[in-house]
Amino acid sequence: MSIDRDQLTEHLKFAAELGVAGVSRDAAWRTRAADAEGEPHVRPEDGAAPVTFSRNAAEALASVRAHIGDCTRCKLHTLGRKQIVFGVGNPEADLMFVGEAPGGDEDIQGIPFVGRAGQLLTKIIEAIDLEREEVYIANVIKCRPPQNRNPEPDEVQTCEPFLFQQIDIIKPRVIVALGKFAAQALLRTDAPISRLRGRVFDYRGAKLIPTFHPAYLLRNPESKREVWEDMKLVRSLLKSEV
């Protein structure tokens, strides 16, 4: 895979502005195993080129973003999306949040979770004594669906390999799936979020915890109690040695 040096430089500069901290020289992460659920590594036929992991996670993520380019792999590029919304935060984060898809504000700014739901997510992160810049935030798909509809199966199938690459590069200890769609897409289930939340799943070497989406909490503030319980579980896992 050929990467334009100027483009890579800009991505690294952007990452630095977002609070990227530290460089890992441990080569063990290059040979990350498949997850406990049996999810395979990304293959070229999955729609994403295999990643040649660079000297650190920031460069590896920049390589994936450069490969995506101005993506035309699914129909969303013809349906009004303005730009790719790749991901934001610390590329060596212990905690990663995965949402459904970009919304209107995200489509304009190119950054996930920057609208009202994003502001609430920031407060949720701060409630467990972390800063937004310390975690990594991404979505199942990188383009905004029209009228913020749910992503369709072909769109997910085309785009999710890039999310898998992000997870495998970052190697988070804990992943929080935000909302029904993200949880169902990642876990390959149609179980309702009310049955999934509060549970811990093994996923690509991390512990995955589904919880309600911040946008849902804006409409149903009474569910904040459940999310707080989920986030206390997240904090406990992050503090554990296992």
C-alpha atoms as a PDB file:
ATOM      1  CA  MET A   1       0.000   0.000   0.000  1.00  0.00           C
ATOM      2  CA  SER A   2       1.498   3.312  -1.050  1.00  0.00           C
ATOM      3  CA  ILE A   3       0.992   6.259   1.311  1.00  0.00           C
ATOM      4  CA  ASP A   4       1.506   9.871   0.361  1.00  0.00           C
ATOM      5  CA  ARG A   5       4.135  11.345   2.726  1.00  0.00           C
ATOM      6  CA  ASP A   6       2.424  14.740   2.961  1.00  0.00           C
ATOM      7  CA  GLN A   7      -0.911  13.130   3.769  1.00  0.00           C
ATOM      8  CA  LEU A   8       0.687  10.935   6.426  1.00  0.00           C
ATOM      9  CA  THR A   9       2.441  13.965   7.930  1.00  0.00           C
ATOM     10  CA  GLU A  10      -0.862  15.830   8.167  1.00  0.00           C
ATOM     11  CA  HIS A  11      -2.559  12.885   9.851  1.00  0.00           C
ATOM     12  CA  LEU A  12       0.232  12.592  12.406  1.00  0.00           C
ATOM     13  CA  LYS A  13       0.123  16.331  13.047  1.00  0.00           C
ATOM     14  CA  PHE A  14      -3.656  16.098  13.516  1.00  0.00           C
ATOM     15  CA  ALA A  15      -3.203  13.176  15.912  1.00  0.00           C
ATOM     16  CA  ALA A  16      -0.723  15.189  17.960  1.00  0.00           C
ATOM     17  CA  GLU A  17      -3.207  18.045  18.243  1.00  0.00           C
ATOM     18  CA  LEU A  18      -5.751  15.564  19.634  1.00  0.00           C
ATOM     19  CA  GLY A  19      -3.502  14.558  22.498  1.00  0.00           C
ATOM     20  CA  VAL A  20      -1.667  11.485  21.217  1.00  0.00           C
ATOM     21  CA  ALA A  21       0.714  10.495  23.990  1.00  0.00           C
ATOM     22  CA  GLY A  22       3.570   8.014  23.949  1.00  0.00           C
ATOM     23  CA  VAL A  23       5.034   5.537  21.530  1.00  0.00           C
ATOM     24  CA  SER A  24       4.955   1.775  21.991  1.00  0.00           C
ATOM     25  CA  ARG A  25       8.078  -0.120  20.929  1.00  0.00           C
ATOM     26  CA  ASP A  26       6.665  -3.474  21.968  1.00  0.00           C
ATOM     27  CA  ALA A  27       6.521  -5.642  18.847  1.00  0.00           C
ATOM     28  CA  ALA A  28       4.145  -8.165  20.462  1.00  0.00           C
ATOM     29  CA  TRP A  29       1.052  -6.199  19.448  1.00  0.00           C
ATOM     30  CA  ARG A  30       1.890  -6.787  15.798  1.00  0.00           C
ATOM     31  CA  THR A  31       0.791 -10.413  16.144  1.00  0.00           C
ATOM     32  CA  ARG A  32      -2.523  -9.821  17.897  1.00  0.00           C
ATOM     33  CA  ALA A  33      -4.656 -12.946  18.044  1.00  0.00           C
ATOM     34  CA  ALA A  34      -8.288 -13.269  16.961  1.00  0.00           C
ATOM     35  CA  ASP A  35     -10.889 -12.537  19.631  1.00  0.00           C
ATOM     36  CA  ALA A  36     -12.486 -15.100  21.890  1.00  0.00           C
ATOM     37  CA  GLU A  37     -15.696 -15.050  19.870  1.00  0.00           C
ATOM     38  CA  GLY A  38     -13.777 -16.340  16.849  1.00  0.00           C
ATOM     39  CA  GLU A  39     -13.954 -13.111  14.856  1.00  0.00           C
ATOM     40  CA  PRO A  40     -11.352 -13.394  12.072  1.00  0.00           C
ATOM     41  CA  HIS A  41      -8.747 -10.819  11.325  1.00  0.00           C
ATOM     42  CA  VAL A  42      -9.550  -8.433   8.485  1.00  0.00           C
ATOM     43  CA  ARG A  43      -8.808  -9.970   5.112  1.00  0.00           C
ATOM     44  CA  PRO A  44      -8.363  -8.113   1.816  1.00  0.00           C
ATOM     45  CA  GLU A  45     -11.631  -9.555   0.563  1.00  0.00           C
ATOM     46  CA  ASP A  46     -13.390  -7.939   3.528  1.00  0.00           C
ATOM     47  CA  GLY A  47     -12.947  -4.600   1.764  1.00  0.00           C
ATOM     48  CA  ALA A  48      -9.909  -3.224   3.571  1.00  0.00           C
ATOM     49  CA  ALA A  49      -6.303  -3.627   2.556  1.00  0.00           C
ATOM     50  CA  PRO A  50      -4.144  -5.456   5.110  1.00  0.00           C
ATOM     51  CA  VAL A  51      -2.388  -3.033   7.425  1.00  0.00           C
ATOM     52  CA  THR A  52       1.385  -2.970   7.590  1.00  0.00           C
ATOM     53  CA  PHE A  53       1.712  -1.907  11.203  1.00  0.00           C
ATOM     54  CA  SER A  54       4.102   1.003  11.558  1.00  0.00           C
ATOM     55  CA  ARG A  55       6.487   1.899  14.348  1.00  0.00           C
ATOM     56  CA  ASN A  56       3.617   3.108  16.502  1.00  0.00           C
ATOM     57  CA  ALA A  57      -0.134   3.113  16.657  1.00  0.00           C
ATOM     58  CA  ALA A  58      -0.528   6.696  15.420  1.00  0.00           C
ATOM     59  CA  GLU A  59       1.269   5.899  12.187  1.00  0.00           C
ATOM     60  CA  ALA A  60      -0.692   2.660  11.765  1.00  0.00           C
ATOM     61  CA  LEU A  61      -4.001   4.485  12.167  1.00  0.00           C
ATOM     62  CA  ALA A  62      -2.833   7.150   9.735  1.00  0.00           C
ATOM     63  CA  SER A  63      -2.069   4.373   7.249  1.00  0.00           C
ATOM     64  CA  VAL A  64      -5.604   3.021   7.538  1.00  0.00           C
ATOM     65  CA  ARG A  65      -7.072   6.513   7.132  1.00  0.00           C
ATOM     66  CA  ALA A  66      -4.904   7.148   4.078  1.00  0.00           C
ATOM     67  CA  HIS A  67      -6.057   3.866   2.562  1.00  0.00           C
ATOM     68  CA  ILE A  68      -9.718   4.784   3.064  1.00  0.00           C
ATOM     69  CA  GLY A  69      -9.144   8.030   1.173  1.00  0.00           C
ATOM     70  CA  ASP A  70     -12.252   9.818  -0.106  1.00  0.00           C
ATOM     71  CA  CYS A  71     -14.134   6.554   0.106  1.00  0.00           C
ATOM     72  CA  THR A  72     -16.529   5.439  -2.640  1.00  0.00           C
ATOM     73  CA  ARG A  73     -16.782   1.792  -1.589  1.00  0.00           C
ATOM     74  CA  CYS A  74     -20.497   1.922  -0.701  1.00  0.00           C
ATOM     75  CA  LYS A  75     -23.464   4.000  -1.795  1.00  0.00           C
ATOM     76  CA  LEU A  76     -23.247   6.498   1.081  1.00  0.00           C
ATOM     77  CA  HIS A  77     -20.811   8.668  -0.867  1.00  0.00           C
ATOM     78  CA  THR A  78     -23.659   9.340  -3.327  1.00  0.00           C
ATOM     79  CA  LEU A  79     -26.243  10.111  -0.616  1.00  0.00           C
ATOM     80  CA  GLY A  80     -25.062  13.441   0.717  1.00  0.00           C
ATOM     81  CA  ARG A  81     -22.237  12.655   3.087  1.00  0.00           C
ATOM     82  CA  LYS A  82     -19.719  15.506   3.301  1.00  0.00           C
ATOM     83  CA  GLN A  83     -16.629  13.729   4.580  1.00  0.00           C
ATOM     84  CA  ILE A  84     -15.181  10.648   6.220  1.00  0.00           C
ATOM     85  CA  VAL A  85     -15.414  10.617  10.020  1.00  0.00           C
ATOM     86  CA  PHE A  86     -12.568   8.266  10.927  1.00  0.00           C
ATOM     87  CA  GLY A  87     -11.938   8.436  14.663  1.00  0.00           C
ATOM     88  CA  VAL A  88     -10.400  10.644  17.308  1.00  0.00           C
ATOM     89  CA  GLY A  89      -8.342  10.367  20.456  1.00  0.00           C
ATOM     90  CA  ASN A  90      -5.386   8.487  21.897  1.00  0.00           C
ATOM     91  CA  PRO A  91      -4.226   5.705  19.516  1.00  0.00           C
ATOM     92  CA  GLU A  92      -2.893   3.737  22.489  1.00  0.00           C
ATOM     93  CA  ALA A  93      -6.007   4.174  24.621  1.00  0.00           C
ATOM     94  CA  ASP A  94      -7.075   1.579  27.167  1.00  0.00           C
ATOM     95  CA  LEU A  95     -10.708   2.595  26.607  1.00  0.00           C
ATOM     96  CA  MET A  96     -12.455   2.852  23.246  1.00  0.00           C
ATOM     97  CA  PHE A  97     -16.008   3.977  22.495  1.00  0.00           C
ATOM     98  CA  VAL A  98     -17.798   2.762  19.362  1.00  0.00           C
ATOM     99  CA  GLY A  99     -20.986   4.401  18.138  1.00  0.00           C
ATOM    100  CA  GLU A 100     -23.246   3.764  15.192  1.00  0.00           C
ATOM    101  CA  ALA A 101     -22.469   6.365  12.527  1.00  0.00           C
ATOM    102  CA  PRO A 102     -21.703  10.079  12.203  1.00  0.00           C
ATOM    103  CA  GLY A 103     -24.535  12.576  12.583  1.00  0.00           C
ATOM    104  CA  GLY A 104     -24.934  16.004  11.053  1.00  0.00           C
ATOM    105  CA  ASP A 105     -22.438  17.831  13.268  1.00  0.00           C
ATOM    106  CA  GLU A 106     -19.913  15.051  12.867  1.00  0.00           C
ATOM    107  CA  ASP A 107     -20.335  15.073   9.095  1.00  0.00           C
ATOM    108  CA  ILE A 108     -19.515  18.785   9.059  1.00  0.00           C
ATOM    109  CA  GLN A 109     -16.567  18.678  11.457  1.00  0.00           C
ATOM    110  CA  GLY A 110     -15.139  15.273  10.558  1.00  0.00           C
ATOM    111  CA  ILE A 111     -14.923  14.270  14.238  1.00  0.00           C
ATOM    112  CA  PRO A 112     -17.159  11.692  15.977  1.00  0.00           C
ATOM    113  CA  PHE A 113     -19.468  12.720  18.822  1.00  0.00           C
ATOM    114  CA  VAL A 114     -19.245  16.510  18.692  1.00  0.00           C
ATOM    115  CA  GLY A 115     -22.960  17.377  18.889  1.00  0.00           C
ATOM    116  CA  ARG A 116     -25.209  17.298  21.967  1.00  0.00           C
ATOM    117  CA  ALA A 117     -24.759  13.548  22.326  1.00  0.00           C
ATOM    118  CA  GLY A 118     -21.011  14.052  22.087  1.00  0.00           C
ATOM    119  CA  GLN A 119     -21.060  16.651  24.835  1.00  0.00           C
ATOM    120  CA  LEU A 120     -22.884  14.178  27.055  1.00  0.00           C
ATOM    121  CA  LEU A 121     -20.362  11.477  26.150  1.00  0.00           C
ATOM    122  CA  THR A 122     -17.576  13.803  27.271  1.00  0.00           C
ATOM    123  CA  LYS A 123     -19.304  14.189  30.648  1.00  0.00           C
ATOM    124  CA  ILE A 124     -19.667  10.418  30.919  1.00  0.00           C
ATOM    125  CA  ILE A 125     -15.943   9.991  30.257  1.00  0.00           C
ATOM    126  CA  GLU A 126     -15.067  12.619  32.830  1.00  0.00           C
ATOM    127  CA  ALA A 127     -17.346  10.909  35.362  1.00  0.00           C
ATOM    128  CA  ILE A 128     -14.928   7.950  35.467  1.00  0.00           C
ATOM    129  CA  ASP A 129     -11.951  10.265  35.975  1.00  0.00           C
ATOM    130  CA  LEU A 130     -10.705  10.310  32.394  1.00  0.00           C
ATOM    131  CA  GLU A 131     -10.370  13.048  29.811  1.00  0.00           C
ATOM    132  CA  ARG A 132     -11.792  12.741  26.320  1.00  0.00           C
ATOM    133  CA  GLU A 133      -8.264  12.967  24.892  1.00  0.00           C
ATOM    134  CA  GLU A 134      -7.262   9.842  26.841  1.00  0.00           C
ATOM    135  CA  VAL A 135      -9.785   7.556  25.108  1.00  0.00           C
ATOM    136  CA  TYR A 136     -10.436   6.720  21.463  1.00  0.00           C
ATOM    137  CA  ILE A 137     -13.828   7.302  19.816  1.00  0.00           C
ATOM    138  CA  ALA A 138     -15.017   5.830  16.517  1.00  0.00           C
ATOM    139  CA  ASN A 139     -18.136   4.522  14.776  1.00  0.00           C
ATOM    140  CA  VAL A 140     -19.142   1.297  13.065  1.00  0.00           C
ATOM    141  CA  ILE A 141     -19.360   3.184   9.760  1.00  0.00           C
ATOM    142  CA  LYS A 142     -17.438   6.292   8.742  1.00  0.00           C
ATOM    143  CA  CYS A 143     -20.043   8.169   6.673  1.00  0.00           C
ATOM    144  CA  ARG A 144     -23.300   9.790   7.708  1.00  0.00           C
ATOM    145  CA  PRO A 145     -26.396   7.940   6.430  1.00  0.00           C
ATOM    146  CA  PRO A 146     -29.099  10.234   4.994  1.00  0.00           C
ATOM    147  CA  GLN A 147     -31.486  11.618   7.636  1.00  0.00           C
ATOM    148  CA  ASN A 148     -29.402   9.759  10.217  1.00  0.00           C
ATOM    149  CA  ARG A 149     -31.102   6.473   9.361  1.00  0.00           C
ATOM    150  CA  ASN A 150     -29.581   3.220  10.596  1.00  0.00           C
ATOM    151  CA  PRO A 151     -26.705   1.927   8.464  1.00  0.00           C
ATOM    152  CA  GLU A 152     -27.797  -0.799   6.073  1.00  0.00           C
ATOM    153  CA  PRO A 153     -26.199  -4.277   6.071  1.00  0.00           C
ATOM    154  CA  ASP A 154     -24.158  -3.730   2.909  1.00  0.00           C
ATOM    155  CA  GLU A 155     -22.802  -0.448   4.313  1.00  0.00           C
ATOM    156  CA  VAL A 156     -21.777  -2.130   7.554  1.00  0.00           C
ATOM    157  CA  GLN A 157     -20.181  -5.047   5.727  1.00  0.00           C
ATOM    158  CA  THR A 158     -18.159  -2.666   3.574  1.00  0.00           C
ATOM    159  CA  CYS A 159     -17.018  -0.346   6.359  1.00  0.00           C
ATOM    160  CA  GLU A 160     -16.625  -2.422   9.518  1.00  0.00           C
ATOM    161  CA  PRO A 161     -13.263  -3.933   8.501  1.00  0.00           C
ATOM    162  CA  PHE A 162     -11.755  -0.478   9.010  1.00  0.00           C
ATOM    163  CA  LEU A 163     -13.163  -0.422  12.551  1.00  0.00           C
ATOM    164  CA  PHE A 164     -11.646  -3.867  13.146  1.00  0.00           C
ATOM    165  CA  GLN A 165      -8.293  -2.474  12.043  1.00  0.00           C
ATOM    166  CA  GLN A 166      -8.664   0.460  14.425  1.00  0.00           C
ATOM    167  CA  ILE A 167      -9.401  -1.907  17.311  1.00  0.00           C
ATOM    168  CA  ASP A 168      -6.491  -4.188  16.474  1.00  0.00           C
ATOM    169  CA  ILE A 169      -4.070  -1.257  16.239  1.00  0.00           C
ATOM    170  CA  ILE A 170      -5.225   0.544  19.389  1.00  0.00           C
ATOM    171  CA  LYS A 171      -5.525  -2.647  21.461  1.00  0.00           C
ATOM    172  CA  PRO A 172      -7.945  -1.174  24.015  1.00  0.00           C
ATOM    173  CA  ARG A 173      -8.505  -3.099  27.206  1.00  0.00           C
ATOM    174  CA  VAL A 174     -12.179  -2.112  27.240  1.00  0.00           C
ATOM    175  CA  ILE A 175     -14.578  -1.224  24.415  1.00  0.00           C
ATOM    176  CA  VAL A 176     -17.901   0.462  25.123  1.00  0.00           C
ATOM    177  CA  ALA A 177     -20.521  -0.117  22.419  1.00  0.00           C
ATOM    178  CA  LEU A 178     -22.792   2.910  22.445  1.00  0.00           C
ATOM    179  CA  GLY A 179     -26.379   1.999  21.681  1.00  0.00           C
ATOM    180  CA  LYS A 180     -28.388  -0.812  20.183  1.00  0.00           C
ATOM    181  CA  PHE A 181     -27.007  -0.638  16.677  1.00  0.00           C
ATOM    182  CA  ALA A 182     -23.314  -0.614  17.605  1.00  0.00           C
ATOM    183  CA  ALA A 183     -23.763  -3.419  20.127  1.00  0.00           C
ATOM    184  CA  GLN A 184     -25.773  -5.587  17.737  1.00  0.00           C
ATOM    185  CA  ALA A 185     -23.384  -4.973  14.845  1.00  0.00           C
ATOM    186  CA  LEU A 186     -20.277  -5.801  16.860  1.00  0.00           C
ATOM    187  CA  LEU A 187     -21.734  -8.818  18.652  1.00  0.00           C
ATOM    188  CA  ARG A 188     -23.630 -10.174  15.630  1.00  0.00           C
ATOM    189  CA  THR A 189     -26.873 -10.390  17.557  1.00  0.00           C
ATOM    190  CA  ASP A 190     -30.390  -9.025  17.399  1.00  0.00           C
ATOM    191  CA  ALA A 191     -30.796  -8.981  21.180  1.00  0.00           C
ATOM    192  CA  PRO A 192     -32.148  -5.673  22.506  1.00  0.00           C
ATOM    193  CA  ILE A 193     -29.749  -3.289  24.195  1.00  0.00           C
ATOM    194  CA  SER A 194     -31.724  -3.702  27.432  1.00  0.00           C
ATOM    195  CA  ARG A 195     -30.556  -7.340  27.538  1.00  0.00           C
ATOM    196  CA  LEU A 196     -27.017  -6.655  26.372  1.00  0.00           C
ATOM    197  CA  ARG A 197     -26.088  -3.766  28.661  1.00  0.00           C
ATOM    198  CA  GLY A 198     -24.526  -4.563  31.998  1.00  0.00           C
ATOM    199  CA  ARG A 199     -22.786  -7.628  30.571  1.00  0.00           C
ATOM    200  CA  VAL A 200     -19.146  -8.145  29.598  1.00  0.00           C
ATOM    201  CA  PHE A 201     -18.193  -9.819  26.319  1.00  0.00           C
ATOM    202  CA  ASP A 202     -14.779 -10.930  25.051  1.00  0.00           C
ATOM    203  CA  TYR A 203     -14.118  -9.112  21.795  1.00  0.00           C
ATOM    204  CA  ARG A 204     -10.911  -8.995  19.727  1.00  0.00           C
ATOM    205  CA  GLY A 205      -8.747  -9.217  22.838  1.00  0.00           C
ATOM    206  CA  ALA A 206     -10.735  -6.593  24.766  1.00  0.00           C
ATOM    207  CA  LYS A 207     -13.693  -6.595  27.142  1.00  0.00           C
ATOM    208  CA  LEU A 208     -16.770  -5.169  25.410  1.00  0.00           C
ATOM    209  CA  ILE A 209     -19.542  -3.522  27.420  1.00  0.00           C
ATOM    210  CA  PRO A 210     -22.735  -2.389  25.657  1.00  0.00           C
ATOM    211  CA  THR A 211     -24.610   0.583  27.075  1.00  0.00           C
ATOM    212  CA  PHE A 212     -27.224   3.111  26.013  1.00  0.00           C
ATOM    213  CA  HIS A 213     -26.278   5.710  23.402  1.00  0.00           C
ATOM    214  CA  PRO A 214     -25.881   9.278  24.684  1.00  0.00           C
ATOM    215  CA  ALA A 215     -28.543  10.420  22.213  1.00  0.00           C
ATOM    216  CA  TYR A 216     -30.948   7.960  23.846  1.00  0.00           C
ATOM    217  CA  LEU A 217     -30.095   9.429  27.243  1.00  0.00           C
ATOM    218  CA  LEU A 218     -30.989  12.909  25.997  1.00  0.00           C
ATOM    219  CA  ARG A 219     -34.471  11.584  25.245  1.00  0.00           C
ATOM    220  CA  ASN A 220     -34.658   9.269  28.265  1.00  0.00           C
ATOM    221  CA  PRO A 221     -32.675  10.830  31.119  1.00  0.00           C
ATOM    222  CA  GLU A 222     -34.074   8.281  33.559  1.00  0.00           C
ATOM    223  CA  SER A 223     -31.716   5.709  31.967  1.00  0.00           C
ATOM    224  CA  LYS A 224     -28.630   7.604  33.101  1.00  0.00           C
ATOM    225  CA  ARG A 225     -28.608   5.453  36.247  1.00  0.00           C
ATOM    226  CA  GLU A 226     -28.055   2.296  34.170  1.00  0.00           C
ATOM    227  CA  VAL A 227     -25.301   3.948  32.155  1.00  0.00           C
ATOM    228  CA  TRP A 228     -23.583   5.010  35.363  1.00  0.00           C
ATOM    229  CA  GLU A 229     -23.645   1.386  36.532  1.00  0.00           C
ATOM    230  CA  ASP A 230     -22.128   0.329  33.203  1.00  0.00           C
ATOM    231  CA  MET A 231     -19.423   2.965  33.469  1.00  0.00           C
ATOM    232  CA  LYS A 232     -18.562   1.890  37.002  1.00  0.00           C
ATOM    233  CA  LEU A 233     -18.011  -1.574  35.536  1.00  0.00           C
ATOM    234  CA  VAL A 234     -15.794  -0.036  32.860  1.00  0.00           C
ATOM    235  CA  ARG A 235     -13.771   1.781  35.506  1.00  0.00           C
ATOM    236  CA  SER A 236     -13.404  -1.399  37.521  1.00  0.00           C
ATOM    237  CA  LEU A 237     -12.105  -3.320  34.494  1.00  0.00           C
ATOM    238  CA  LEU A 238      -9.648  -0.555  33.643  1.00  0.00           C
ATOM    239  CA  LYS A 239      -8.283  -0.611  37.192  1.00  0.00           C
ATOM    240  CA  SER A 240      -8.016  -4.396  37.346  1.00  0.00           C
ATOM    241  CA  GLU A 241      -4.776  -6.179  36.592  1.00  0.00           C
ATOM    242  CA  VAL A 242      -6.474  -8.885  34.527  1.00  0.00           C
END
